[in-house]
C-alpha cells in the first residue's frame, strides 16, 4: 500500500495507527494524511468507529482499515457513514473517507482510493547509478 510504518519499529502503546500515507491533492505543497490500520482475527464495527476517532484526532483526510477477513454489513455501514473526501482539483472527485480493504482484495489488485496529483511523497525513489564496469564495457566494444 506504500504506507510508512507509524511506530518506526519502537515498542510502546498502540496509538491505533499502523502506518501513514501522504498525498497531494492541490498545488499548496502541503501533504494530506491518510492513516492505515491493520487488524487480523475477529473484526467488528466498533473498530471502524475507533478508526474514525483516530482519523479525527490525527486530522487525517482518509482512513484505511485492512483486515484479514471480509468486512461485515455493520462494518460497511459504519464506514459509509464517514462520508466522502471531496477534491476540487480533480473535477470534484469524491473518495470514501473510510475504506475497508481485505487482504484478499489487495492481493487481487484492489487499491486504496485517494488523490494522486503527484507522485507519492511517502517514499523517495533511489537515484539509478551506473556501475563502472558497465560504462567501461561499452567503450571496449
N, C-alpha and C. Protein backbone atom coordinates (compact mmCIF):
# COMPACT_ATOMS: atom_id res chain seq x y z
N UNK A 1 0.82 -1.21 0.00
CA UNK A 1 0.00 0.00 0.00
C UNK A 1 0.85 1.26 0.00
N UNK A 2 2.16 1.14 0.00
CA UNK A 2 3.06 2.29 0.04
C UNK A 2 2.92 3.12 1.30
N UNK A 3 2.58 2.48 2.41
CA UNK A 3 2.44 3.19 3.68
C UNK A 3 3.75 3.14 4.45
N UNK A 4 4.00 4.21 5.17
CA UNK A 4 5.18 4.29 6.03
C UNK A 4 4.77 3.80 7.42
N UNK A 5 5.57 2.93 8.05
CA UNK A 5 5.22 2.44 9.39
C UNK A 5 5.05 3.60 10.37
N UNK A 6 4.09 3.47 11.27
CA UNK A 6 3.79 4.55 12.21
C UNK A 6 4.73 4.59 13.39
N UNK A 7 5.13 3.44 13.92
CA UNK A 7 5.90 3.41 15.15
C UNK A 7 7.41 3.38 14.95
N UNK A 8 7.90 3.35 13.74
CA UNK A 8 9.34 3.27 13.48
C UNK A 8 10.00 2.14 14.26
N UNK A 9 9.32 1.01 14.33
CA UNK A 9 9.81 -0.22 14.96
C UNK A 9 10.05 -0.10 16.46
N UNK A 10 9.54 0.93 17.09
CA UNK A 10 9.66 1.07 18.54
C UNK A 10 8.45 0.43 19.19
N UNK A 11 8.70 -0.25 20.29
CA UNK A 11 7.59 -0.85 21.02
C UNK A 11 7.00 0.19 21.96
N UNK A 12 5.72 0.09 22.16
CA UNK A 12 5.07 1.04 23.06
C UNK A 12 3.57 0.94 22.90
N UNK A 13 2.87 1.91 23.46
CA UNK A 13 1.41 1.90 23.41
C UNK A 13 0.94 2.06 21.97
N UNK A 14 -0.09 1.32 21.61
CA UNK A 14 -0.66 1.38 20.27
C UNK A 14 -1.52 2.63 20.16
N UNK A 15 -1.20 3.48 19.20
CA UNK A 15 -1.98 4.71 19.01
C UNK A 15 -3.15 4.50 18.06
N UNK A 16 -3.37 3.25 17.62
CA UNK A 16 -4.45 2.98 16.70
C UNK A 16 -4.04 3.12 15.25
N UNK A 17 -2.79 3.43 14.99
CA UNK A 17 -2.29 3.62 13.63
C UNK A 17 -1.14 2.66 13.39
N UNK A 18 -1.19 1.99 12.25
CA UNK A 18 -0.08 1.11 11.88
C UNK A 18 0.79 1.73 10.79
N UNK A 19 0.24 2.69 10.05
CA UNK A 19 1.03 3.33 9.00
C UNK A 19 0.38 4.61 8.52
N UNK A 20 1.16 5.37 7.76
CA UNK A 20 0.70 6.63 7.17
C UNK A 20 1.03 6.64 5.69
N UNK A 21 0.16 7.27 4.93
CA UNK A 21 0.41 7.58 3.53
C UNK A 21 0.19 9.08 3.39
N UNK A 22 1.06 9.73 2.68
CA UNK A 22 0.91 11.17 2.44
C UNK A 22 0.67 11.39 0.96
N UNK A 23 -0.27 12.29 0.65
CA UNK A 23 -0.58 12.56 -0.75
C UNK A 23 -0.82 14.05 -0.94
N UNK A 24 -0.76 14.47 -2.18
CA UNK A 24 -1.04 15.87 -2.54
C UNK A 24 -2.29 15.89 -3.41
N UNK A 25 -3.19 16.81 -3.11
CA UNK A 25 -4.40 16.92 -3.93
C UNK A 25 -4.61 18.34 -4.45
N UNK A 26 -3.62 19.19 -4.24
CA UNK A 26 -3.69 20.55 -4.77
C UNK A 26 -2.27 21.08 -4.93
N UNK A 27 -2.16 22.34 -5.29
CA UNK A 27 -0.84 22.94 -5.52
C UNK A 27 -0.29 23.68 -4.31
N UNK A 28 -0.86 23.45 -3.14
CA UNK A 28 -0.43 24.16 -1.94
C UNK A 28 0.93 23.69 -1.44
N UNK A 29 1.33 22.49 -1.84
CA UNK A 29 2.60 21.93 -1.37
C UNK A 29 2.47 21.25 -0.02
N UNK A 30 1.28 21.26 0.56
CA UNK A 30 1.06 20.62 1.85
C UNK A 30 0.46 19.23 1.64
N UNK A 31 1.13 18.22 2.18
CA UNK A 31 0.67 16.84 2.03
C UNK A 31 -0.54 16.58 2.92
N UNK A 32 -1.47 15.80 2.41
CA UNK A 32 -2.62 15.36 3.19
C UNK A 32 -2.31 13.98 3.77
N UNK A 33 -2.87 13.70 4.93
CA UNK A 33 -2.54 12.48 5.67
C UNK A 33 -3.62 11.42 5.50
N UNK A 34 -3.16 10.18 5.30
CA UNK A 34 -4.03 9.01 5.28
C UNK A 34 -3.50 8.07 6.36
N UNK A 35 -4.38 7.60 7.25
CA UNK A 35 -3.96 6.68 8.29
C UNK A 35 -4.35 5.26 7.89
N UNK A 36 -3.49 4.31 8.23
CA UNK A 36 -3.72 2.90 7.90
C UNK A 36 -3.72 2.10 9.19
N UNK A 37 -4.74 1.28 9.34
CA UNK A 37 -4.83 0.39 10.49
C UNK A 37 -5.01 -1.03 9.97
N UNK A 38 -4.23 -1.97 10.51
CA UNK A 38 -4.27 -3.36 10.07
C UNK A 38 -4.74 -4.22 11.24
N UNK A 39 -5.74 -5.07 10.99
CA UNK A 39 -6.27 -5.95 12.04
C UNK A 39 -6.40 -7.36 11.50
N UNK A 40 -6.02 -8.33 12.33
CA UNK A 40 -6.27 -9.73 12.00
C UNK A 40 -7.26 -10.25 13.02
N UNK A 41 -7.71 -11.46 12.84
CA UNK A 41 -8.66 -12.02 13.80
C UNK A 41 -10.05 -11.46 13.58
N UNK A 42 -10.86 -11.54 14.63
CA UNK A 42 -12.25 -11.10 14.55
C UNK A 42 -12.32 -9.58 14.56
N UNK A 43 -12.94 -8.99 13.55
CA UNK A 43 -13.09 -7.54 13.47
C UNK A 43 -14.56 -7.18 13.57
N UNK A 44 -14.82 -5.99 14.13
CA UNK A 44 -16.19 -5.56 14.36
C UNK A 44 -16.39 -4.10 13.94
N UNK A 45 -17.64 -3.69 13.93
CA UNK A 45 -17.98 -2.31 13.60
C UNK A 45 -17.41 -1.34 14.64
N UNK A 46 -17.22 -1.78 15.88
CA UNK A 46 -16.62 -0.92 16.91
C UNK A 46 -15.22 -0.47 16.50
N UNK A 47 -14.47 -1.34 15.84
CA UNK A 47 -13.12 -0.98 15.41
C UNK A 47 -13.16 0.07 14.30
N UNK A 48 -14.20 0.06 13.49
CA UNK A 48 -14.37 1.09 12.46
C UNK A 48 -14.67 2.42 13.12
N UNK A 49 -15.53 2.40 14.14
CA UNK A 49 -15.83 3.64 14.89
C UNK A 49 -14.58 4.18 15.56
N UNK A 50 -13.75 3.28 16.11
CA UNK A 50 -12.49 3.70 16.74
C UNK A 50 -11.57 4.36 15.72
N UNK A 51 -11.51 3.79 14.52
CA UNK A 51 -10.65 4.37 13.48
C UNK A 51 -11.14 5.76 13.09
N UNK A 52 -12.45 5.97 13.06
CA UNK A 52 -12.98 7.30 12.77
C UNK A 52 -12.49 8.31 13.81
N UNK A 53 -12.46 7.89 15.08
CA UNK A 53 -11.96 8.77 16.13
C UNK A 53 -10.48 9.06 15.97
N UNK A 54 -9.71 8.06 15.58
CA UNK A 54 -8.27 8.24 15.35
C UNK A 54 -8.04 9.19 14.18
N UNK A 55 -8.85 9.06 13.13
CA UNK A 55 -8.73 9.96 11.98
C UNK A 55 -8.97 11.40 12.40
N UNK A 56 -9.97 11.60 13.24
CA UNK A 56 -10.28 12.94 13.73
C UNK A 56 -9.13 13.48 14.59
N UNK A 57 -8.62 12.64 15.49
CA UNK A 57 -7.52 13.04 16.38
C UNK A 57 -6.27 13.42 15.59
N UNK A 58 -5.94 12.62 14.56
CA UNK A 58 -4.73 12.86 13.76
C UNK A 58 -4.96 13.78 12.57
N UNK A 59 -6.16 14.30 12.43
CA UNK A 59 -6.53 15.19 11.32
C UNK A 59 -6.20 14.56 9.97
N UNK A 60 -6.59 13.29 9.81
CA UNK A 60 -6.37 12.56 8.56
C UNK A 60 -7.58 12.74 7.65
N UNK A 61 -7.32 12.88 6.37
CA UNK A 61 -8.40 13.04 5.40
C UNK A 61 -9.09 11.71 5.09
N UNK A 62 -8.30 10.63 5.05
CA UNK A 62 -8.81 9.31 4.70
C UNK A 62 -8.26 8.29 5.68
N UNK A 63 -9.04 7.26 5.94
CA UNK A 63 -8.60 6.16 6.79
C UNK A 63 -8.75 4.85 6.03
N UNK A 64 -7.75 3.97 6.18
CA UNK A 64 -7.78 2.66 5.54
C UNK A 64 -7.76 1.60 6.64
N UNK A 65 -8.72 0.71 6.61
CA UNK A 65 -8.81 -0.39 7.56
C UNK A 65 -8.54 -1.67 6.78
N UNK A 66 -7.40 -2.28 7.04
CA UNK A 66 -7.01 -3.50 6.33
C UNK A 66 -7.26 -4.68 7.26
N UNK A 67 -7.97 -5.68 6.73
CA UNK A 67 -8.35 -6.81 7.56
C UNK A 67 -8.12 -8.13 6.82
N UNK A 68 -7.87 -9.16 7.61
CA UNK A 68 -7.67 -10.49 7.05
C UNK A 68 -8.99 -11.08 6.57
N UNK A 69 -10.08 -10.71 7.23
CA UNK A 69 -11.39 -11.27 6.91
C UNK A 69 -12.24 -10.27 6.13
N UNK A 70 -13.24 -10.77 5.45
CA UNK A 70 -14.17 -9.91 4.72
C UNK A 70 -14.96 -9.05 5.72
N UNK A 71 -15.22 -7.79 5.39
CA UNK A 71 -15.97 -6.93 6.31
C UNK A 71 -17.43 -7.35 6.42
N UNK A 72 -17.99 -7.13 7.59
CA UNK A 72 -19.39 -7.45 7.83
C UNK A 72 -20.27 -6.29 7.37
N UNK A 73 -21.56 -6.54 7.28
CA UNK A 73 -22.51 -5.49 6.89
C UNK A 73 -22.45 -4.28 7.81
N UNK A 74 -22.47 -4.48 9.15
CA UNK A 74 -22.38 -3.31 10.04
C UNK A 74 -21.06 -2.54 9.88
N UNK A 75 -19.97 -3.23 9.57
CA UNK A 75 -18.70 -2.54 9.34
C UNK A 75 -18.79 -1.65 8.10
N UNK A 76 -19.36 -2.18 7.03
CA UNK A 76 -19.50 -1.41 5.79
C UNK A 76 -20.43 -0.22 5.99
N UNK A 77 -21.48 -0.41 6.77
CA UNK A 77 -22.43 0.68 7.06
C UNK A 77 -21.74 1.79 7.85
N UNK A 78 -20.93 1.39 8.84
CA UNK A 78 -20.20 2.37 9.66
C UNK A 78 -19.19 3.15 8.81
N UNK A 79 -18.51 2.45 7.91
CA UNK A 79 -17.53 3.10 7.03
C UNK A 79 -18.23 4.08 6.09
N UNK A 80 -19.37 3.69 5.56
CA UNK A 80 -20.12 4.56 4.65
C UNK A 80 -20.61 5.82 5.37
N UNK A 81 -20.90 5.70 6.67
CA UNK A 81 -21.37 6.85 7.44
C UNK A 81 -20.29 7.92 7.61
N UNK A 82 -19.04 7.56 7.36
CA UNK A 82 -17.94 8.54 7.46
C UNK A 82 -17.97 9.55 6.32
N UNK A 83 -18.69 9.23 5.25
CA UNK A 83 -18.84 10.17 4.15
C UNK A 83 -17.70 10.11 3.14
N UNK A 84 -17.53 11.24 2.44
CA UNK A 84 -16.54 11.31 1.36
C UNK A 84 -15.58 12.47 1.56
N UNK A 85 -14.39 12.29 1.03
CA UNK A 85 -13.40 13.35 0.97
C UNK A 85 -13.46 13.90 -0.46
N UNK A 86 -13.83 15.16 -0.59
CA UNK A 86 -14.00 15.77 -1.92
C UNK A 86 -12.78 16.60 -2.28
N UNK A 87 -12.35 16.45 -3.52
CA UNK A 87 -11.17 17.15 -4.01
C UNK A 87 -11.57 18.06 -5.17
N UNK A 88 -11.37 19.35 -5.01
CA UNK A 88 -11.74 20.33 -6.03
C UNK A 88 -10.88 20.20 -7.29
N UNK A 89 -9.60 19.90 -7.14
CA UNK A 89 -8.67 19.88 -8.27
C UNK A 89 -8.83 18.65 -9.15
N UNK A 90 -9.63 17.70 -8.76
CA UNK A 90 -9.87 16.50 -9.56
C UNK A 90 -11.31 16.48 -10.06
N UNK A 91 -11.74 17.58 -10.62
CA UNK A 91 -13.10 17.70 -11.14
C UNK A 91 -14.12 17.26 -10.09
N UNK A 92 -13.91 17.77 -8.86
CA UNK A 92 -14.81 17.47 -7.74
C UNK A 92 -14.96 15.98 -7.48
N UNK A 93 -13.87 15.25 -7.59
CA UNK A 93 -13.89 13.81 -7.36
C UNK A 93 -14.06 13.52 -5.87
N UNK A 94 -14.81 12.46 -5.56
CA UNK A 94 -15.05 12.07 -4.18
C UNK A 94 -14.35 10.74 -3.90
N UNK A 95 -13.72 10.66 -2.73
CA UNK A 95 -13.09 9.43 -2.27
C UNK A 95 -13.74 9.03 -0.95
N UNK A 96 -14.06 7.74 -0.77
CA UNK A 96 -14.63 7.34 0.53
C UNK A 96 -13.65 7.71 1.65
N UNK A 97 -14.16 8.38 2.67
CA UNK A 97 -13.30 8.84 3.76
C UNK A 97 -12.75 7.68 4.58
N UNK A 98 -13.50 6.61 4.71
CA UNK A 98 -13.03 5.44 5.44
C UNK A 98 -13.24 4.21 4.55
N UNK A 99 -12.14 3.54 4.22
CA UNK A 99 -12.21 2.41 3.30
C UNK A 99 -11.75 1.13 4.00
N UNK A 100 -12.51 0.06 3.79
CA UNK A 100 -12.16 -1.24 4.34
C UNK A 100 -11.65 -2.11 3.20
N UNK A 101 -10.45 -2.62 3.36
CA UNK A 101 -9.83 -3.46 2.34
C UNK A 101 -9.43 -4.79 2.96
N UNK A 102 -9.84 -5.88 2.35
CA UNK A 102 -9.41 -7.19 2.85
C UNK A 102 -8.08 -7.55 2.17
N UNK A 103 -7.33 -8.42 2.82
CA UNK A 103 -6.07 -8.88 2.24
C UNK A 103 -6.33 -9.55 0.89
N UNK A 104 -7.42 -10.30 0.80
CA UNK A 104 -7.78 -10.96 -0.45
C UNK A 104 -7.96 -9.94 -1.58
N UNK A 105 -8.64 -8.83 -1.28
CA UNK A 105 -8.84 -7.78 -2.28
C UNK A 105 -7.52 -7.14 -2.69
N UNK A 106 -6.67 -6.87 -1.70
CA UNK A 106 -5.38 -6.24 -2.01
C UNK A 106 -4.51 -7.16 -2.87
N UNK A 107 -4.51 -8.45 -2.55
CA UNK A 107 -3.74 -9.40 -3.35
C UNK A 107 -4.34 -9.57 -4.75
N UNK A 108 -5.63 -9.29 -4.87
CA UNK A 108 -6.31 -9.36 -6.16
C UNK A 108 -6.15 -8.10 -7.00
N UNK A 109 -5.47 -7.10 -6.47
CA UNK A 109 -5.20 -5.89 -7.24
C UNK A 109 -5.97 -4.65 -6.83
N UNK A 110 -6.90 -4.78 -5.91
CA UNK A 110 -7.65 -3.59 -5.46
C UNK A 110 -6.70 -2.64 -4.74
N UNK A 111 -6.91 -1.35 -4.92
CA UNK A 111 -6.06 -0.35 -4.29
C UNK A 111 -6.88 0.62 -3.46
N UNK A 112 -6.21 1.22 -2.51
CA UNK A 112 -6.82 2.28 -1.73
C UNK A 112 -7.11 3.45 -2.66
N UNK A 113 -8.27 4.04 -2.53
CA UNK A 113 -8.64 5.19 -3.37
C UNK A 113 -8.27 6.48 -2.65
N UNK A 114 -7.38 7.25 -3.26
CA UNK A 114 -7.02 8.56 -2.73
C UNK A 114 -6.45 9.41 -3.84
N UNK A 115 -6.42 10.74 -3.67
CA UNK A 115 -5.94 11.63 -4.73
C UNK A 115 -4.46 11.41 -5.00
N UNK A 116 -4.13 11.38 -6.26
CA UNK A 116 -2.73 11.19 -6.66
C UNK A 116 -2.36 12.27 -7.67
N UNK A 117 -2.28 13.50 -7.21
CA UNK A 117 -1.94 14.62 -8.09
C UNK A 117 -0.49 14.52 -8.54
N UNK A 118 0.38 14.14 -7.62
CA UNK A 118 1.80 14.00 -7.91
C UNK A 118 2.24 12.64 -7.39
N UNK A 119 3.49 12.31 -7.64
CA UNK A 119 3.99 11.04 -7.13
C UNK A 119 3.96 11.05 -5.61
N UNK A 120 3.83 9.90 -5.03
CA UNK A 120 3.70 9.76 -3.59
C UNK A 120 4.96 10.23 -2.86
N UNK A 121 4.83 11.13 -1.89
CA UNK A 121 5.99 11.57 -1.13
C UNK A 121 6.34 10.61 0.01
N UNK A 122 5.59 9.51 0.14
CA UNK A 122 5.84 8.59 1.24
C UNK A 122 7.22 7.99 1.15
N UNK A 123 7.62 7.57 -0.03
CA UNK A 123 8.94 7.01 -0.25
C UNK A 123 9.60 7.70 -1.42
N UNK A 124 10.86 8.06 -1.29
CA UNK A 124 11.60 8.62 -2.40
C UNK A 124 12.26 7.48 -3.16
N UNK A 125 12.28 7.60 -4.47
CA UNK A 125 12.94 6.59 -5.29
C UNK A 125 14.43 6.87 -5.31
N UNK A 126 15.20 5.79 -5.23
CA UNK A 126 16.65 5.93 -5.26
C UNK A 126 17.11 6.32 -6.66
N UNK A 127 18.17 7.11 -6.71
CA UNK A 127 18.73 7.52 -7.98
C UNK A 127 19.48 6.34 -8.58
N UNK A 128 19.28 6.11 -9.87
CA UNK A 128 19.95 5.00 -10.54
C UNK A 128 21.36 5.41 -10.90
N UNK A 129 22.30 4.56 -10.51
CA UNK A 129 23.71 4.82 -10.80
C UNK A 129 24.25 3.67 -11.63
N UNK A 130 25.11 4.03 -12.57
CA UNK A 130 25.75 3.02 -13.41
C UNK A 130 27.00 2.50 -12.74
N UNK A 131 27.23 1.22 -12.87
CA UNK A 131 28.47 0.65 -12.34
C UNK A 131 29.61 1.03 -13.26
N UNK A 132 30.80 1.12 -12.70
CA UNK A 132 31.97 1.48 -13.51
C UNK A 132 32.22 0.45 -14.59
N UNK A 133 32.02 -0.82 -14.30
CA UNK A 133 32.25 -1.89 -15.26
C UNK A 133 31.34 -1.76 -16.47
N UNK A 134 30.09 -1.34 -16.27
CA UNK A 134 29.15 -1.20 -17.38
C UNK A 134 29.60 -0.13 -18.35
N UNK A 135 30.07 0.99 -17.84
CA UNK A 135 30.49 2.07 -18.72
C UNK A 135 31.80 1.72 -19.43
N UNK A 136 32.68 0.98 -18.78
CA UNK A 136 33.93 0.59 -19.41
C UNK A 136 33.70 -0.47 -20.47
N UNK A 137 32.76 -1.40 -20.22
CA UNK A 137 32.49 -2.45 -21.18
C UNK A 137 31.95 -1.87 -22.48
N UNK A 138 31.13 -0.84 -22.37
CA UNK A 138 30.59 -0.21 -23.57
C UNK A 138 31.67 0.42 -24.43
N UNK A 139 32.74 0.95 -23.80
CA UNK A 139 33.80 1.59 -24.56
C UNK A 139 34.74 0.56 -25.17
N UNK A 140 34.78 -0.65 -24.63
CA UNK A 140 35.66 -1.67 -25.15
C UNK A 140 35.07 -2.34 -26.38
N UNK A 141 33.77 -2.29 -26.53
CA UNK A 141 33.13 -2.95 -27.67
C UNK A 141 33.18 -2.17 -28.90
